[in-house]
Amino acid sequence: KEVKEETVVDAIEFAPHRNQKKICAVISDL
């Protein structure tokens, strides 16, 4: 809903860096 382009980029970077990597690490460990 009308957010700045930088905000969208920050959200995309936020998802993998802080969370996807954790999920992938757990799967690799399993």
mmCIF file of all heavy atoms, coordinates in Angstrom:
data_MODEL
# 
_entry.id   MODEL 
# 
loop_
_atom_site.group_PDB 
_atom_site.id 
_atom_site.type_symbol 
_atom_site.label_atom_id 
_atom_site.label_alt_id 
_atom_site.label_comp_id 
_atom_site.label_asym_id 
_atom_site.label_entity_id 
_atom_site.label_seq_id 
_atom_site.pdbx_PDB_ins_code 
_atom_site.Cartn_x 
_atom_site.Cartn_y 
_atom_site.Cartn_z 
_atom_site.occupancy 
_atom_site.B_iso_or_equiv 
_atom_site.pdbx_formal_charge 
_atom_site.auth_seq_id 
_atom_site.auth_comp_id 
_atom_site.auth_asym_id 
_atom_site.auth_atom_id 
_atom_site.pdbx_PDB_model_num 
ATOM 1   N N   . LYS A 1 1  ? 0.859  -1.183  0.000  1.00 0.00 ? 1  LYS A N   1 
ATOM 2   C CA  . LYS A 1 1  ? 0.000  0.000   0.000  1.00 0.00 ? 1  LYS A CA  1 
ATOM 3   C C   . LYS A 1 1  ? 0.899  1.237   0.000  1.00 0.00 ? 1  LYS A C   1 
ATOM 4   O O   . LYS A 1 1  ? 1.240  1.760   1.054  1.00 0.00 ? 1  LYS A O   1 
ATOM 5   C CB  . LYS A 1 1  ? -0.883 0.017   1.238  1.00 0.00 ? 1  LYS A CB  1 
ATOM 6   C CG  . LYS A 1 1  ? -1.852 -1.139  1.325  1.00 0.00 ? 1  LYS A CG  1 
ATOM 7   C CD  . LYS A 1 1  ? -2.615 -1.095  2.623  1.00 0.00 ? 1  LYS A CD  1 
ATOM 8   C CE  . LYS A 1 1  ? -3.498 -2.305  2.761  1.00 0.00 ? 1  LYS A CE  1 
ATOM 9   N NZ  . LYS A 1 1  ? -4.114 -2.397  4.084  1.00 0.00 ? 1  LYS A NZ  1 
ATOM 10  N N   . GLU A 1 2  ? 1.303  1.679   -1.153 1.00 0.00 ? 2  GLU A N   1 
ATOM 11  C CA  . GLU A 1 2  ? 2.098  2.890   -1.321 1.00 0.00 ? 2  GLU A CA  1 
ATOM 12  C C   . GLU A 1 2  ? 3.253  3.011   -0.328 1.00 0.00 ? 2  GLU A C   1 
ATOM 13  O O   . GLU A 1 2  ? 3.245  3.861   0.558  1.00 0.00 ? 2  GLU A O   1 
ATOM 14  C CB  . GLU A 1 2  ? 1.192  4.117   -1.234 1.00 0.00 ? 2  GLU A CB  1 
ATOM 15  C CG  . GLU A 1 2  ? 0.188  4.167   -2.355 1.00 0.00 ? 2  GLU A CG  1 
ATOM 16  C CD  . GLU A 1 2  ? -0.626 5.442   -2.361 1.00 0.00 ? 2  GLU A CD  1 
ATOM 17  O OE1 . GLU A 1 2  ? -0.115 6.483   -1.949 1.00 0.00 ? 2  GLU A OE1 1 
ATOM 18  O OE2 . GLU A 1 2  ? -1.779 5.367   -2.799 1.00 0.00 ? 2  GLU A OE2 1 
ATOM 19  N N   . VAL A 1 3  ? 4.228  2.145   -0.476 1.00 0.00 ? 3  VAL A N   1 
ATOM 20  C CA  . VAL A 1 3  ? 5.454  2.247   0.319  1.00 0.00 ? 3  VAL A CA  1 
ATOM 21  C C   . VAL A 1 3  ? 6.606  2.581   -0.615 1.00 0.00 ? 3  VAL A C   1 
ATOM 22  O O   . VAL A 1 3  ? 6.533  2.353   -1.825 1.00 0.00 ? 3  VAL A O   1 
ATOM 23  C CB  . VAL A 1 3  ? 5.761  0.947   1.098  1.00 0.00 ? 3  VAL A CB  1 
ATOM 24  C CG1 . VAL A 1 3  ? 4.683  0.660   2.118  1.00 0.00 ? 3  VAL A CG1 1 
ATOM 25  C CG2 . VAL A 1 3  ? 5.941  -0.231  0.167  1.00 0.00 ? 3  VAL A CG2 1 
ATOM 26  N N   . LYS A 1 4  ? 7.670  3.111   -0.054 1.00 0.00 ? 4  LYS A N   1 
ATOM 27  C CA  . LYS A 1 4  ? 8.833  3.462   -0.855 1.00 0.00 ? 4  LYS A CA  1 
ATOM 28  C C   . LYS A 1 4  ? 9.516  2.202   -1.370 1.00 0.00 ? 4  LYS A C   1 
ATOM 29  O O   . LYS A 1 4  ? 9.483  1.152   -0.737 1.00 0.00 ? 4  LYS A O   1 
ATOM 30  C CB  . LYS A 1 4  ? 9.823  4.272   -0.016 1.00 0.00 ? 4  LYS A CB  1 
ATOM 31  C CG  . LYS A 1 4  ? 9.315  5.622   0.375  1.00 0.00 ? 4  LYS A CG  1 
ATOM 32  C CD  . LYS A 1 4  ? 10.357 6.361   1.183  1.00 0.00 ? 4  LYS A CD  1 
ATOM 33  C CE  . LYS A 1 4  ? 9.827  7.725   1.586  1.00 0.00 ? 4  LYS A CE  1 
ATOM 34  N NZ  . LYS A 1 4  ? 10.783 8.444   2.421  1.00 0.00 ? 4  LYS A NZ  1 
ATOM 35  N N   . GLU A 1 5  ? 10.156 2.356   -2.515 1.00 0.00 ? 5  GLU A N   1 
ATOM 36  C CA  . GLU A 1 5  ? 10.887 1.243   -3.116 1.00 0.00 ? 5  GLU A CA  1 
ATOM 37  C C   . GLU A 1 5  ? 11.948 0.703   -2.159 1.00 0.00 ? 5  GLU A C   1 
ATOM 38  O O   . GLU A 1 5  ? 12.146 -0.506  -2.055 1.00 0.00 ? 5  GLU A O   1 
ATOM 39  C CB  . GLU A 1 5  ? 11.540 1.718   -4.412 1.00 0.00 ? 5  GLU A CB  1 
ATOM 40  C CG  . GLU A 1 5  ? 12.221 0.625   -5.201 1.00 0.00 ? 5  GLU A CG  1 
ATOM 41  C CD  . GLU A 1 5  ? 12.774 1.141   -6.520 1.00 0.00 ? 5  GLU A CD  1 
ATOM 42  O OE1 . GLU A 1 5  ? 12.160 2.022   -7.133 1.00 0.00 ? 5  GLU A OE1 1 
ATOM 43  O OE2 . GLU A 1 5  ? 13.831 0.635   -6.916 1.00 0.00 ? 5  GLU A OE2 1 
ATOM 44  N N   . GLU A 1 6  ? 12.607 1.588   -1.429 1.00 0.00 ? 6  GLU A N   1 
ATOM 45  C CA  . GLU A 1 6  ? 13.643 1.173   -0.476 1.00 0.00 ? 6  GLU A CA  1 
ATOM 46  C C   . GLU A 1 6  ? 13.060 0.272   0.614  1.00 0.00 ? 6  GLU A C   1 
ATOM 47  O O   . GLU A 1 6  ? 13.714 -0.652  1.083  1.00 0.00 ? 6  GLU A O   1 
ATOM 48  C CB  . GLU A 1 6  ? 14.314 2.389   0.183  1.00 0.00 ? 6  GLU A CB  1 
ATOM 49  C CG  . GLU A 1 6  ? 15.069 3.287   -0.761 1.00 0.00 ? 6  GLU A CG  1 
ATOM 50  C CD  . GLU A 1 6  ? 14.173 4.298   -1.483 1.00 0.00 ? 6  GLU A CD  1 
ATOM 51  O OE1 . GLU A 1 6  ? 13.131 4.726   -0.929 1.00 0.00 ? 6  GLU A OE1 1 
ATOM 52  O OE2 . GLU A 1 6  ? 14.511 4.652   -2.625 1.00 0.00 ? 6  GLU A OE2 1 
ATOM 53  N N   . THR A 1 7  ? 11.823 0.543   1.019  1.00 0.00 ? 7  THR A N   1 
ATOM 54  C CA  . THR A 1 7  ? 11.167 -0.265  2.049  1.00 0.00 ? 7  THR A CA  1 
ATOM 55  C C   . THR A 1 7  ? 10.927 -1.681  1.539  1.00 0.00 ? 7  THR A C   1 
ATOM 56  O O   . THR A 1 7  ? 11.135 -2.655  2.268  1.00 0.00 ? 7  THR A O   1 
ATOM 57  C CB  . THR A 1 7  ? 9.827  0.390   2.468  1.00 0.00 ? 7  THR A CB  1 
ATOM 58  O OG1 . THR A 1 7  ? 10.093 1.721   2.892  1.00 0.00 ? 7  THR A OG1 1 
ATOM 59  C CG2 . THR A 1 7  ? 9.165  -0.381  3.584  1.00 0.00 ? 7  THR A CG2 1 
ATOM 60  N N   . VAL A 1 8  ? 10.496 -1.782  0.298  1.00 0.00 ? 8  VAL A N   1 
ATOM 61  C CA  . VAL A 1 8  ? 10.279 -3.107  -0.301 1.00 0.00 ? 8  VAL A CA  1 
ATOM 62  C C   . VAL A 1 8  ? 11.600 -3.866  -0.373 1.00 0.00 ? 8  VAL A C   1 
ATOM 63  O O   . VAL A 1 8  ? 11.683 -5.044  -0.003 1.00 0.00 ? 8  VAL A O   1 
ATOM 64  C CB  . VAL A 1 8  ? 9.636  -2.984  -1.698 1.00 0.00 ? 8  VAL A CB  1 
ATOM 65  C CG1 . VAL A 1 8  ? 9.544  -4.344  -2.371 1.00 0.00 ? 8  VAL A CG1 1 
ATOM 66  C CG2 . VAL A 1 8  ? 8.260  -2.338  -1.599 1.00 0.00 ? 8  VAL A CG2 1 
ATOM 67  N N   . VAL A 1 9  ? 12.664 -3.201  -0.808 1.00 0.00 ? 9  VAL A N   1 
ATOM 68  C CA  . VAL A 1 9  ? 13.986 -3.836  -0.887 1.00 0.00 ? 9  VAL A CA  1 
ATOM 69  C C   . VAL A 1 9  ? 14.442 -4.266  0.501  1.00 0.00 ? 9  VAL A C   1 
ATOM 70  O O   . VAL A 1 9  ? 14.956 -5.379  0.679  1.00 0.00 ? 9  VAL A O   1 
ATOM 71  C CB  . VAL A 1 9  ? 15.010 -2.887  -1.552 1.00 0.00 ? 9  VAL A CB  1 
ATOM 72  C CG1 . VAL A 1 9  ? 16.425 -3.447  -1.447 1.00 0.00 ? 9  VAL A CG1 1 
ATOM 73  C CG2 . VAL A 1 9  ? 14.645 -2.640  -3.004 1.00 0.00 ? 9  VAL A CG2 1 
ATOM 74  N N   . ASP A 1 10 ? 14.248 -3.400  1.501  1.00 0.00 ? 10 ASP A N   1 
ATOM 75  C CA  . ASP A 1 10 ? 14.628 -3.756  2.875  1.00 0.00 ? 10 ASP A CA  1 
ATOM 76  C C   . ASP A 1 10 ? 13.862 -4.983  3.369  1.00 0.00 ? 10 ASP A C   1 
ATOM 77  O O   . ASP A 1 10 ? 14.424 -5.852  4.037  1.00 0.00 ? 10 ASP A O   1 
ATOM 78  C CB  . ASP A 1 10 ? 14.373 -2.580  3.824  1.00 0.00 ? 10 ASP A CB  1 
ATOM 79  C CG  . ASP A 1 10 ? 15.343 -1.427  3.614  1.00 0.00 ? 10 ASP A CG  1 
ATOM 80  O OD1 . ASP A 1 10 ? 16.393 -1.636  2.954  1.00 0.00 ? 10 ASP A OD1 1 
ATOM 81  O OD2 . ASP A 1 10 ? 15.045 -0.317  4.103  1.00 0.00 ? 10 ASP A OD2 1 
ATOM 82  N N   . ALA A 1 11 ? 12.567 -5.071  3.026  1.00 0.00 ? 11 ALA A N   1 
ATOM 83  C CA  . ALA A 1 11 ? 11.760 -6.226  3.435  1.00 0.00 ? 11 ALA A CA  1 
ATOM 84  C C   . ALA A 1 11 ? 12.257 -7.500  2.769  1.00 0.00 ? 11 ALA A C   1 
ATOM 85  O O   . ALA A 1 11 ? 12.327 -8.561  3.399  1.00 0.00 ? 11 ALA A O   1 
ATOM 86  C CB  . ALA A 1 11 ? 10.294 -5.993  3.090  1.00 0.00 ? 11 ALA A CB  1 
ATOM 87  N N   . ILE A 1 12 ? 12.613 -7.396  1.496  1.00 0.00 ? 12 ILE A N   1 
ATOM 88  C CA  . ILE A 1 12 ? 13.132 -8.571  0.779  1.00 0.00 ? 12 ILE A CA  1 
ATOM 89  C C   . ILE A 1 12 ? 14.456 -9.018  1.384  1.00 0.00 ? 12 ILE A C   1 
ATOM 90  O O   . ILE A 1 12 ? 14.709 -10.212 1.547  1.00 0.00 ? 12 ILE A O   1 
ATOM 91  C CB  . ILE A 1 12 ? 13.273 -8.257  -0.730 1.00 0.00 ? 12 ILE A CB  1 
ATOM 92  C CG1 . ILE A 1 12 ? 11.889 -8.088  -1.350 1.00 0.00 ? 12 ILE A CG1 1 
ATOM 93  C CG2 . ILE A 1 12 ? 14.057 -9.349  -1.448 1.00 0.00 ? 12 ILE A CG2 1 
ATOM 94  C CD1 . ILE A 1 12 ? 11.890 -7.517  -2.748 1.00 0.00 ? 12 ILE A CD1 1 
ATOM 95  N N   . GLU A 1 13 ? 15.295 -8.069  1.758  1.00 0.00 ? 13 GLU A N   1 
ATOM 96  C CA  . GLU A 1 13 ? 16.573 -8.420  2.395  1.00 0.00 ? 13 GLU A CA  1 
ATOM 97  C C   . GLU A 1 13 ? 16.360 -8.951  3.811  1.00 0.00 ? 13 GLU A C   1 
ATOM 98  O O   . GLU A 1 13 ? 17.080 -9.831  4.263  1.00 0.00 ? 13 GLU A O   1 
ATOM 99  C CB  . GLU A 1 13 ? 17.497 -7.205  2.426  1.00 0.00 ? 13 GLU A CB  1 
ATOM 100 C CG  . GLU A 1 13 ? 18.013 -6.841  1.052  1.00 0.00 ? 13 GLU A CG  1 
ATOM 101 C CD  . GLU A 1 13 ? 18.858 -5.572  1.037  1.00 0.00 ? 13 GLU A CD  1 
ATOM 102 O OE1 . GLU A 1 13 ? 18.917 -4.872  2.069  1.00 0.00 ? 13 GLU A OE1 1 
ATOM 103 O OE2 . GLU A 1 13 ? 19.447 -5.300  -0.016 1.00 0.00 ? 13 GLU A OE2 1 
ATOM 104 N N   . PHE A 1 14 ? 15.383 -8.430  4.511  1.00 0.00 ? 14 PHE A N   1 
ATOM 105 C CA  . PHE A 1 14 ? 15.080 -8.855  5.877  1.00 0.00 ? 14 PHE A CA  1 
ATOM 106 C C   . PHE A 1 14 ? 14.685 -10.330 5.936  1.00 0.00 ? 14 PHE A C   1 
ATOM 107 O O   . PHE A 1 14 ? 15.124 -11.063 6.813  1.00 0.00 ? 14 PHE A O   1 
ATOM 108 C CB  . PHE A 1 14 ? 13.944 -7.983  6.433  1.00 0.00 ? 14 PHE A CB  1 
ATOM 109 C CG  . PHE A 1 14 ? 13.403 -8.415  7.760  1.00 0.00 ? 14 PHE A CG  1 
ATOM 110 C CD1 . PHE A 1 14 ? 14.059 -8.080  8.927  1.00 0.00 ? 14 PHE A CD1 1 
ATOM 111 C CD2 . PHE A 1 14 ? 12.221 -9.130  7.835  1.00 0.00 ? 14 PHE A CD2 1 
ATOM 112 C CE1 . PHE A 1 14 ? 13.549 -8.456  10.159 1.00 0.00 ? 14 PHE A CE1 1 
ATOM 113 C CE2 . PHE A 1 14 ? 11.699 -9.514  9.056  1.00 0.00 ? 14 PHE A CE2 1 
ATOM 114 C CZ  . PHE A 1 14 ? 12.367 -9.174  10.229 1.00 0.00 ? 14 PHE A CZ  1 
ATOM 115 N N   . ALA A 1 15 ? 13.866 -10.754 4.990  1.00 0.00 ? 15 ALA A N   1 
ATOM 116 C CA  . ALA A 1 15 ? 13.355 -12.132 4.998  1.00 0.00 ? 15 ALA A CA  1 
ATOM 117 C C   . ALA A 1 15 ? 14.462 -13.174 4.930  1.00 0.00 ? 15 ALA A C   1 
ATOM 118 O O   . ALA A 1 15 ? 14.587 -14.002 5.835  1.00 0.00 ? 15 ALA A O   1 
ATOM 119 C CB  . ALA A 1 15 ? 12.354 -12.325 3.867  1.00 0.00 ? 15 ALA A CB  1 
ATOM 120 N N   . PRO A 1 16 ? 15.312 -13.162 3.905  1.00 0.00 ? 16 PRO A N   1 
ATOM 121 C CA  . PRO A 1 16 ? 16.306 -14.229 3.842  1.00 0.00 ? 16 PRO A CA  1 
ATOM 122 C C   . PRO A 1 16 ? 17.431 -14.079 4.860  1.00 0.00 ? 16 PRO A C   1 
ATOM 123 O O   . PRO A 1 16 ? 17.871 -15.058 5.441  1.00 0.00 ? 16 PRO A O   1 
ATOM 124 C CB  . PRO A 1 16 ? 16.853 -14.151 2.424  1.00 0.00 ? 16 PRO A CB  1 
ATOM 125 C CG  . PRO A 1 16 ? 16.453 -12.845 1.894  1.00 0.00 ? 16 PRO A CG  1 
ATOM 126 C CD  . PRO A 1 16 ? 15.273 -12.384 2.684  1.00 0.00 ? 16 PRO A CD  1 
ATOM 127 N N   . HIS A 1 17 ? 17.886 -12.862 5.088  1.00 0.00 ? 17 HIS A N   1 
ATOM 128 C CA  . HIS A 1 17 ? 19.051 -12.712 5.947  1.00 0.00 ? 17 HIS A CA  1 
ATOM 129 C C   . HIS A 1 17 ? 18.771 -13.107 7.392  1.00 0.00 ? 17 HIS A C   1 
ATOM 130 O O   . HIS A 1 17 ? 19.602 -13.730 8.032  1.00 0.00 ? 17 HIS A O   1 
ATOM 131 C CB  . HIS A 1 17 ? 19.586 -11.282 5.889  1.00 0.00 ? 17 HIS A CB  1 
ATOM 132 C CG  . HIS A 1 17 ? 20.253 -10.970 4.594  1.00 0.00 ? 17 HIS A CG  1 
ATOM 133 N ND1 . HIS A 1 17 ? 21.248 -11.751 4.061  1.00 0.00 ? 17 HIS A ND1 1 
ATOM 134 C CD2 . HIS A 1 17 ? 20.052 -9.984  3.706  1.00 0.00 ? 17 HIS A CD2 1 
ATOM 135 C CE1 . HIS A 1 17 ? 21.632 -11.253 2.908  1.00 0.00 ? 17 HIS A CE1 1 
ATOM 136 N NE2 . HIS A 1 17 ? 20.918 -10.181 2.664  1.00 0.00 ? 17 HIS A NE2 1 
ATOM 137 N N   . ARG A 1 18 ? 17.618 -12.756 7.898  1.00 0.00 ? 18 ARG A N   1 
ATOM 138 C CA  . ARG A 1 18 ? 17.352 -13.036 9.303  1.00 0.00 ? 18 ARG A CA  1 
ATOM 139 C C   . ARG A 1 18 ? 16.565 -14.318 9.523  1.00 0.00 ? 18 ARG A C   1 
ATOM 140 O O   . ARG A 1 18 ? 16.574 -14.851 10.620 1.00 0.00 ? 18 ARG A O   1 
ATOM 141 C CB  . ARG A 1 18 ? 16.597 -11.871 9.919  1.00 0.00 ? 18 ARG A CB  1 
ATOM 142 C CG  . ARG A 1 18 ? 17.421 -10.611 9.876  1.00 0.00 ? 18 ARG A CG  1 
ATOM 143 C CD  . ARG A 1 18 ? 17.019 -9.661  10.950 1.00 0.00 ? 18 ARG A CD  1 
ATOM 144 N NE  . ARG A 1 18 ? 17.859 -8.481  10.857 1.00 0.00 ? 18 ARG A NE  1 
ATOM 145 C CZ  . ARG A 1 18 ? 17.432 -7.261  10.980 1.00 0.00 ? 18 ARG A CZ  1 
ATOM 146 N NH1 . ARG A 1 18 ? 16.173 -7.031  11.216 1.00 0.00 ? 18 ARG A NH1 1 
ATOM 147 N NH2 . ARG A 1 18 ? 18.249 -6.244  10.888 1.00 0.00 ? 18 ARG A NH2 1 
ATOM 148 N N   . ASN A 1 19 ? 15.875 -14.790 8.517  1.00 0.00 ? 19 ASN A N   1 
ATOM 149 C CA  . ASN A 1 19 ? 14.953 -15.898 8.754  1.00 0.00 ? 19 ASN A CA  1 
ATOM 150 C C   . ASN A 1 19 ? 15.154 -17.097 7.850  1.00 0.00 ? 19 ASN A C   1 
ATOM 151 O O   . ASN A 1 19 ? 15.206 -18.219 8.335  1.00 0.00 ? 19 ASN A O   1 
ATOM 152 C CB  . ASN A 1 19 ? 13.517 -15.375 8.652  1.00 0.00 ? 19 ASN A CB  1 
ATOM 153 C CG  . ASN A 1 19 ? 13.254 -14.318 9.689  1.00 0.00 ? 19 ASN A CG  1 
ATOM 154 O OD1 . ASN A 1 19 ? 13.103 -14.637 10.849 1.00 0.00 ? 19 ASN A OD1 1 
ATOM 155 N ND2 . ASN A 1 19 ? 13.264 -13.066 9.298  1.00 0.00 ? 19 ASN A ND2 1 
ATOM 156 N N   . GLN A 1 20 ? 15.248 -16.891 6.554  1.00 0.00 ? 20 GLN A N   1 
ATOM 157 C CA  . GLN A 1 20 ? 15.434 -18.035 5.660  1.00 0.00 ? 20 GLN A CA  1 
ATOM 158 C C   . GLN A 1 20 ? 16.715 -18.787 5.984  1.00 0.00 ? 20 GLN A C   1 
ATOM 159 O O   . GLN A 1 20 ? 16.746 -20.007 5.929  1.00 0.00 ? 20 GLN A O   1 
ATOM 160 C CB  . GLN A 1 20 ? 15.465 -17.591 4.207  1.00 0.00 ? 20 GLN A CB  1 
ATOM 161 C CG  . GLN A 1 20 ? 14.113 -17.477 3.605  1.00 0.00 ? 20 GLN A CG  1 
ATOM 162 C CD  . GLN A 1 20 ? 14.204 -16.944 2.197  1.00 0.00 ? 20 GLN A CD  1 
ATOM 163 O OE1 . GLN A 1 20 ? 15.021 -16.097 1.894  1.00 0.00 ? 20 GLN A OE1 1 
ATOM 164 N NE2 . GLN A 1 20 ? 13.361 -17.439 1.346  1.00 0.00 ? 20 GLN A NE2 1 
ATOM 165 N N   . LYS A 1 21 ? 17.758 -18.066 6.296  1.00 0.00 ? 21 LYS A N   1 
ATOM 166 C CA  . LYS A 1 21 ? 19.028 -18.728 6.617  1.00 0.00 ? 21 LYS A CA  1 
ATOM 167 C C   . LYS A 1 21 ? 18.866 -19.638 7.827  1.00 0.00 ? 21 LYS A C   1 
ATOM 168 O O   . LYS A 1 21 ? 19.434 -20.722 7.865  1.00 0.00 ? 21 LYS A O   1 
ATOM 169 C CB  . LYS A 1 21 ? 20.127 -17.694 6.837  1.00 0.00 ? 21 LYS A CB  1 
ATOM 170 C CG  . LYS A 1 21 ? 20.569 -17.036 5.549  1.00 0.00 ? 21 LYS A CG  1 
ATOM 171 C CD  . LYS A 1 21 ? 21.713 -16.085 5.757  1.00 0.00 ? 21 LYS A CD  1 
ATOM 172 C CE  . LYS A 1 21 ? 22.092 -15.500 4.406  1.00 0.00 ? 21 LYS A CE  1 
ATOM 173 N NZ  . LYS A 1 21 ? 23.291 -14.696 4.448  1.00 0.00 ? 21 LYS A NZ  1 
ATOM 174 N N   . LYS A 1 22 ? 18.066 -19.210 8.820  1.00 0.00 ? 22 LYS A N   1 
ATOM 175 C CA  . LYS A 1 22 ? 17.811 -20.047 9.994  1.00 0.00 ? 22 LYS A CA  1 
ATOM 176 C C   . LYS A 1 22 ? 17.071 -21.320 9.578  1.00 0.00 ? 22 LYS A C   1 
ATOM 177 O O   . LYS A 1 22 ? 17.404 -22.417 10.013 1.00 0.00 ? 22 LYS A O   1 
ATOM 178 C CB  . LYS A 1 22 ? 16.979 -19.289 11.024 1.00 0.00 ? 22 LYS A CB  1 
ATOM 179 C CG  . LYS A 1 22 ? 17.697 -18.151 11.698 1.00 0.00 ? 22 LYS A CG  1 
ATOM 180 C CD  . LYS A 1 22 ? 16.746 -17.433 12.646 1.00 0.00 ? 22 LYS A CD  1 
ATOM 181 C CE  . LYS A 1 22 ? 17.362 -16.178 13.194 1.00 0.00 ? 22 LYS A CE  1 
ATOM 182 N NZ  . LYS A 1 22 ? 16.409 -15.409 14.013 1.00 0.00 ? 22 LYS A NZ  1 
ATOM 183 N N   . ILE A 1 23 ? 16.038 -21.147 8.746  1.00 0.00 ? 23 ILE A N   1 
ATOM 184 C CA  . ILE A 1 23 ? 15.245 -22.296 8.293  1.00 0.00 ? 23 ILE A CA  1 
ATOM 185 C C   . ILE A 1 23 ? 16.133 -23.270 7.525  1.00 0.00 ? 23 ILE A C   1 
ATOM 186 O O   . ILE A 1 23 ? 16.112 -24.477 7.768  1.00 0.00 ? 23 ILE A O   1 
ATOM 187 C CB  . ILE A 1 23 ? 14.065 -21.818 7.413  1.00 0.00 ? 23 ILE A CB  1 
ATOM 188 C CG1 . ILE A 1 23 ? 13.080 -21.011 8.245  1.00 0.00 ? 23 ILE A CG1 1 
ATOM 189 C CG2 . ILE A 1 23 ? 13.372 -23.000 6.740  1.00 0.00 ? 23 ILE A CG2 1 
ATOM 190 C CD1 . ILE A 1 23 ? 12.048 -20.246 7.420  1.00 0.00 ? 23 ILE A CD1 1 
ATOM 191 N N   . CYS A 1 24 ? 16.937 -22.750 6.594  1.00 0.00 ? 24 CYS A N   1 
ATOM 192 C CA  . CYS A 1 24 ? 17.804 -23.598 5.781  1.00 0.00 ? 24 CYS A CA  1 
ATOM 193 C C   . CYS A 1 24 ? 18.850 -24.303 6.631  1.00 0.00 ? 24 CYS A C   1 
ATOM 194 O O   . CYS A 1 24 ? 19.186 -25.466 6.389  1.00 0.00 ? 24 CYS A O   1 
ATOM 195 C CB  . CYS A 1 24 ? 18.468 -22.777 4.676  1.00 0.00 ? 24 CYS A CB  1 
ATOM 196 S SG  . CYS A 1 24 ? 17.291 -22.183 3.444  1.00 0.00 ? 24 CYS A SG  1 
ATOM 197 N N   . ALA A 1 25 ? 19.354 -23.620 7.676  1.00 0.00 ? 25 ALA A N   1 
ATOM 198 C CA  . ALA A 1 25 ? 20.346 -24.232 8.564  1.00 0.00 ? 25 ALA A CA  1 
ATOM 199 C C   . ALA A 1 25 ? 19.743 -25.400 9.328  1.00 0.00 ? 25 ALA A C   1 
ATOM 200 O O   . ALA A 1 25 ? 20.381 -26.454 9.481  1.00 0.00 ? 25 ALA A O   1 
ATOM 201 C CB  . ALA A 1 25 ? 20.902 -23.187 9.527  1.00 0.00 ? 25 ALA A CB  1 
ATOM 202 N N   . VAL A 1 26 ? 18.503 -25.250 9.785  1.00 0.00 ? 26 VAL A N   1 
ATOM 203 C CA  . VAL A 1 26 ? 17.833 -26.336 10.508 1.00 0.00 ? 26 VAL A CA  1 
ATOM 204 C C   . VAL A 1 26 ? 17.635 -27.543 9.584  1.00 0.00 ? 26 VAL A C   1 
ATOM 205 O O   . VAL A 1 26 ? 17.864 -28.691 9.977  1.00 0.00 ? 26 VAL A O   1 
ATOM 206 C CB  . VAL A 1 26 ? 16.474 -25.853 11.084 1.00 0.00 ? 26 VAL A CB  1 
ATOM 207 C CG1 . VAL A 1 26 ? 15.634 -27.023 11.567 1.00 0.00 ? 26 VAL A CG1 1 
ATOM 208 C CG2 . VAL A 1 26 ? 16.711 -24.859 12.200 1.00 0.00 ? 26 VAL A CG2 1 
ATOM 209 N N   . ILE A 1 27 ? 17.231 -27.290 8.340  1.00 0.00 ? 27 ILE A N   1 
ATOM 210 C CA  . ILE A 1 27 ? 17.025 -28.385 7.382  1.00 0.00 ? 27 ILE A CA  1 
ATOM 211 C C   . ILE A 1 27 ? 18.343 -29.087 7.089  1.00 0.00 ? 27 ILE A C   1 
ATOM 212 O O   . ILE A 1 27 ? 18.411 -30.317 7.068  1.00 0.00 ? 27 ILE A O   1 
ATOM 213 C CB  . ILE A 1 27 ? 16.390 -27.858 6.086  1.00 0.00 ? 27 ILE A CB  1 
ATOM 214 C CG1 . ILE A 1 27 ? 14.994 -27.318 6.371  1.00 0.00 ? 27 ILE A CG1 1 
ATOM 215 C CG2 . ILE A 1 27 ? 16.336 -28.949 5.015  1.00 0.00 ? 27 ILE A CG2 1 
ATOM 216 C CD1 . ILE A 1 27 ? 14.441 -26.467 5.267  1.00 0.00 ? 27 ILE A CD1 1 
ATOM 217 N N   . SER A 1 28 ? 19.411 -28.325 6.880  1.00 0.00 ? 28 SER A N   1 
ATOM 218 C CA  . SER A 1 28 ? 20.722 -28.926 6.613  1.00 0.00 ? 28 SER A CA  1 
ATOM 219 C C   . SER A 1 28 ? 21.184 -29.758 7.793  1.00 0.00 ? 28 SER A C   1 
ATOM 220 O O   . SER A 1 28 ? 21.740 -30.848 7.624  1.00 0.00 ? 28 SER A O   1 
ATOM 221 C CB  . SER A 1 28 ? 21.756 -27.837 6.308  1.00 0.00 ? 28 SER A CB  1 
ATOM 222 O OG  . SER A 1 28 ? 21.435 -27.201 5.098  1.00 0.00 ? 28 SER A OG  1 
ATOM 223 N N   . ASP A 1 29 ? 20.953 -29.255 9.003  1.00 0.00 ? 29 ASP A N   1 
ATOM 224 C CA  . ASP A 1 29 ? 21.328 -29.986 10.213 1.00 0.00 ? 29 ASP A CA  1 
ATOM 225 C C   . ASP A 1 29 ? 20.541 -31.296 10.306 1.00 0.00 ? 29 ASP A C   1 
ATOM 226 O O   . ASP A 1 29 ? 21.097 -32.349 10.621 1.00 0.00 ? 29 ASP A O   1 
ATOM 227 C CB  . ASP A 1 29 ? 21.072 -29.114 11.440 1.00 0.00 ? 29 ASP A CB  1 
ATOM 228 C CG  . ASP A 1 29 ? 21.561 -29.755 12.723 1.00 0.00 ? 29 ASP A CG  1 
ATOM 229 O OD1 . ASP A 1 29 ? 22.707 -30.267 12.725 1.00 0.00 ? 29 ASP A OD1 1 
ATOM 230 O OD2 . ASP A 1 29 ? 20.810 -29.745 13.716 1.00 0.00 ? 29 ASP A OD2 1 
ATOM 231 N N   . LEU A 1 30 ? 19.249 -31.233 9.994  1.00 0.00 ? 30 LEU A N   1 
ATOM 232 C CA  . LEU A 1 30 ? 18.417 -32.434 10.015 1.00 0.00 ? 30 LEU A CA  1 
ATOM 233 C C   . LEU A 1 30 ? 18.911 -33.448 8.990  1.00 0.00 ? 30 LEU A C   1 
ATOM 234 O O   . LEU A 1 30 ? 19.014 -34.643 9.284  1.00 0.00 ? 30 LEU A O   1 
ATOM 235 C CB  . LEU A 1 30 ? 16.955 -32.063 9.740  1.00 0.00 ? 30 LEU A CB  1 
ATOM 236 C CG  . LEU A 1 30 ? 15.955 -33.210 9.728  1.00 0.00 ? 30 LEU A CG  1 
ATOM 237 C CD1 . LEU A 1 30 ? 15.920 -33.895 11.087 1.00 0.00 ? 30 LEU A CD1 1 
ATOM 238 C CD2 . LEU A 1 30 ? 14.576 -32.690 9.359  1.00 0.00 ? 30 LEU A CD2 1 
# 
